[in-house]
Amino acid sequence: VDKDFIPGLMYIRDNEATAEEFEAMTLPFTVPSASGQDIQLSSKYSHITLENRAEYVCGSPDIPLHLLKSVATYKGLEPTAPLIQWFWEVMESFSNTERSLFLRFVWGRTRLPRTIADFRGRDFVVQ
């Protein structure tokens, strides 16, 4: 992580400005890429606000199962097997916190990539 980037994130997270003062800063909901181009981080937000600033700093805590299911591959099991059906039922019953803990255990990360394209060949393998 870029050591100069972290203080900026912490400033956004910890700033005690009012909503109006925060809006006046007009911070885009983007991040610069290695080539210097701005990458839009959300289709929902164009600027960082007091309400969405935590999402800009660490991403959405939601773990959409439809996204995880769409990249799941199965080894030694059919997707229609009772065990797989039961697995997805259990995952659906989990809270986002429990899903996050599950992902950390099996995948070493607590959040999903934002889109299918962001997985870039890192399928979720169930075996």
Protein backbone atom coordinates (compact mmCIF):
# COMPACT_ATOMS: atom_id res chain seq x y z
CA VAL A 1 0.00 0.00 0.00
CA ASP A 2 1.28 3.43 -0.89
CA LYS A 3 2.43 5.09 2.36
CA ASP A 4 1.24 8.48 1.12
CA PHE A 5 -2.24 7.16 0.30
CA ILE A 6 -3.09 5.93 3.81
CA PRO A 7 -3.07 9.38 5.50
CA GLY A 8 -5.55 10.59 2.90
CA LEU A 9 -7.87 7.67 3.59
CA MET A 10 -7.61 8.26 7.33
CA TYR A 11 -8.35 11.96 6.82
CA ILE A 12 -11.52 11.08 4.91
CA ARG A 13 -12.55 8.50 7.52
CA ASP A 14 -11.81 10.60 10.62
CA ASN A 15 -12.68 14.12 9.41
CA GLU A 16 -15.15 15.83 11.75
CA ALA A 17 -16.49 18.26 9.16
CA THR A 18 -20.20 18.86 8.82
CA ALA A 19 -22.05 17.41 5.85
CA GLU A 20 -21.98 20.79 4.11
CA GLU A 21 -18.24 21.23 4.69
CA PHE A 22 -17.60 17.71 3.47
CA GLU A 23 -19.66 18.30 0.31
CA ALA A 24 -17.72 21.52 -0.35
CA MET A 25 -14.48 19.50 -0.58
CA THR A 26 -15.87 17.77 -3.73
CA LEU A 27 -13.77 14.63 -3.40
CA PRO A 28 -14.39 12.24 -6.31
CA PHE A 29 -15.30 8.61 -5.58
CA THR A 30 -12.27 7.51 -7.60
CA VAL A 31 -8.73 6.28 -7.05
CA PRO A 32 -5.73 6.81 -9.34
CA SER A 33 -4.45 3.75 -11.18
CA ALA A 34 -0.76 2.95 -11.63
CA SER A 35 -0.92 4.66 -15.03
CA GLY A 36 -2.38 7.82 -13.49
CA GLN A 37 -5.93 7.39 -14.76
CA ASP A 38 -8.81 7.80 -12.30
CA ILE A 39 -10.74 4.59 -11.65
CA GLN A 40 -14.39 5.05 -10.64
CA LEU A 41 -15.00 2.95 -7.52
CA SER A 42 -18.77 3.02 -7.57
CA SER A 43 -21.57 3.28 -10.08
CA LYS A 44 -23.74 4.52 -7.21
CA TYR A 45 -21.60 7.45 -6.03
CA SER A 46 -19.74 10.13 -7.95
CA HIS A 47 -18.35 12.03 -4.94
CA ILE A 48 -17.40 11.17 -1.37
CA THR A 49 -19.93 12.43 1.15
CA LEU A 50 -20.23 12.28 4.91
CA GLU A 51 -22.67 9.38 4.52
CA ASN A 52 -20.65 7.25 2.06
CA ARG A 53 -17.10 8.00 3.24
CA ALA A 54 -16.72 4.75 5.19
CA GLU A 55 -17.58 2.77 2.04
CA TYR A 56 -14.90 4.71 0.10
CA VAL A 57 -12.27 3.89 2.74
CA CYS A 58 -12.98 0.15 3.07
CA GLY A 59 -15.61 -0.92 0.52
CA SER A 60 -19.09 -2.26 0.91
CA PRO A 61 -19.59 -4.78 3.71
CA ASP A 62 -22.38 -6.49 1.75
CA ILE A 63 -21.54 -9.98 0.49
CA PRO A 64 -23.95 -10.63 -2.38
CA LEU A 65 -24.35 -14.39 -2.72
CA HIS A 66 -25.58 -14.10 -6.30
CA LEU A 67 -22.13 -12.79 -7.22
CA LEU A 68 -20.36 -15.56 -5.32
CA LYS A 69 -22.64 -18.19 -6.89
CA SER A 70 -21.98 -16.84 -10.37
CA VAL A 71 -18.22 -17.43 -10.05
CA ALA A 72 -18.45 -20.72 -8.14
CA THR A 73 -17.02 -23.83 -9.74
CA TYR A 74 -17.49 -27.35 -8.41
CA LYS A 75 -14.92 -30.13 -8.28
CA GLY A 76 -16.10 -33.65 -7.56
CA LEU A 77 -19.68 -32.44 -7.06
CA GLU A 78 -22.52 -31.42 -9.29
CA PRO A 79 -24.04 -27.96 -8.71
CA THR A 80 -27.39 -29.69 -8.17
CA ALA A 81 -26.08 -32.09 -5.50
CA PRO A 82 -27.97 -31.97 -2.17
CA LEU A 83 -24.75 -31.02 -0.36
CA ILE A 84 -24.30 -27.97 -2.60
CA GLN A 85 -27.94 -26.95 -2.19
CA TRP A 86 -27.53 -27.22 1.58
CA PHE A 87 -24.29 -25.20 1.45
CA TRP A 88 -25.99 -22.28 -0.33
CA GLU A 89 -28.96 -22.44 2.06
CA VAL A 90 -26.58 -22.12 5.00
CA MET A 91 -24.73 -19.25 3.31
CA GLU A 92 -28.05 -17.46 2.75
CA SER A 93 -28.88 -17.79 6.44
CA PHE A 94 -25.57 -16.14 7.45
CA SER A 95 -25.37 -12.45 8.30
CA ASN A 96 -22.88 -10.32 6.34
CA THR A 97 -20.49 -10.57 9.29
CA GLU A 98 -20.68 -14.37 9.25
CA ARG A 99 -20.23 -14.42 5.47
CA SER A 100 -17.19 -12.18 5.86
CA LEU A 101 -15.69 -14.53 8.45
CA PHE A 102 -16.37 -17.50 6.17
CA LEU A 103 -14.63 -15.78 3.25
CA ARG A 104 -11.64 -14.96 5.42
CA PHE A 105 -11.37 -18.60 6.47
CA VAL A 106 -11.66 -20.14 2.98
CA TRP A 107 -10.29 -17.38 0.74
CA GLY A 108 -8.09 -15.13 2.86
CA ARG A 109 -10.22 -12.05 2.16
CA THR A 110 -13.22 -10.55 3.93
CA ARG A 111 -14.96 -8.90 0.97
CA LEU A 112 -15.81 -9.89 -2.56
CA PRO A 113 -14.55 -8.12 -5.65
CA ARG A 114 -17.17 -5.62 -6.83
CA THR A 115 -18.03 -7.25 -10.16
CA ILE A 116 -17.61 -10.58 -11.95
CA ALA A 117 -14.94 -8.98 -14.13
CA ASP A 118 -12.93 -8.09 -11.00
CA PHE A 119 -12.55 -11.77 -10.11
CA ARG A 120 -10.13 -12.23 -13.06
CA GLY A 121 -9.97 -16.01 -12.96
CA ARG A 122 -10.19 -16.33 -9.18
CA ASP A 123 -13.23 -18.58 -9.12
CA PHE A 124 -14.76 -19.66 -5.84
CA VAL A 125 -14.07 -23.41 -5.89
CA VAL A 126 -16.27 -25.80 -3.90
CA GLN A 127 -14.89 -29.33 -3.68
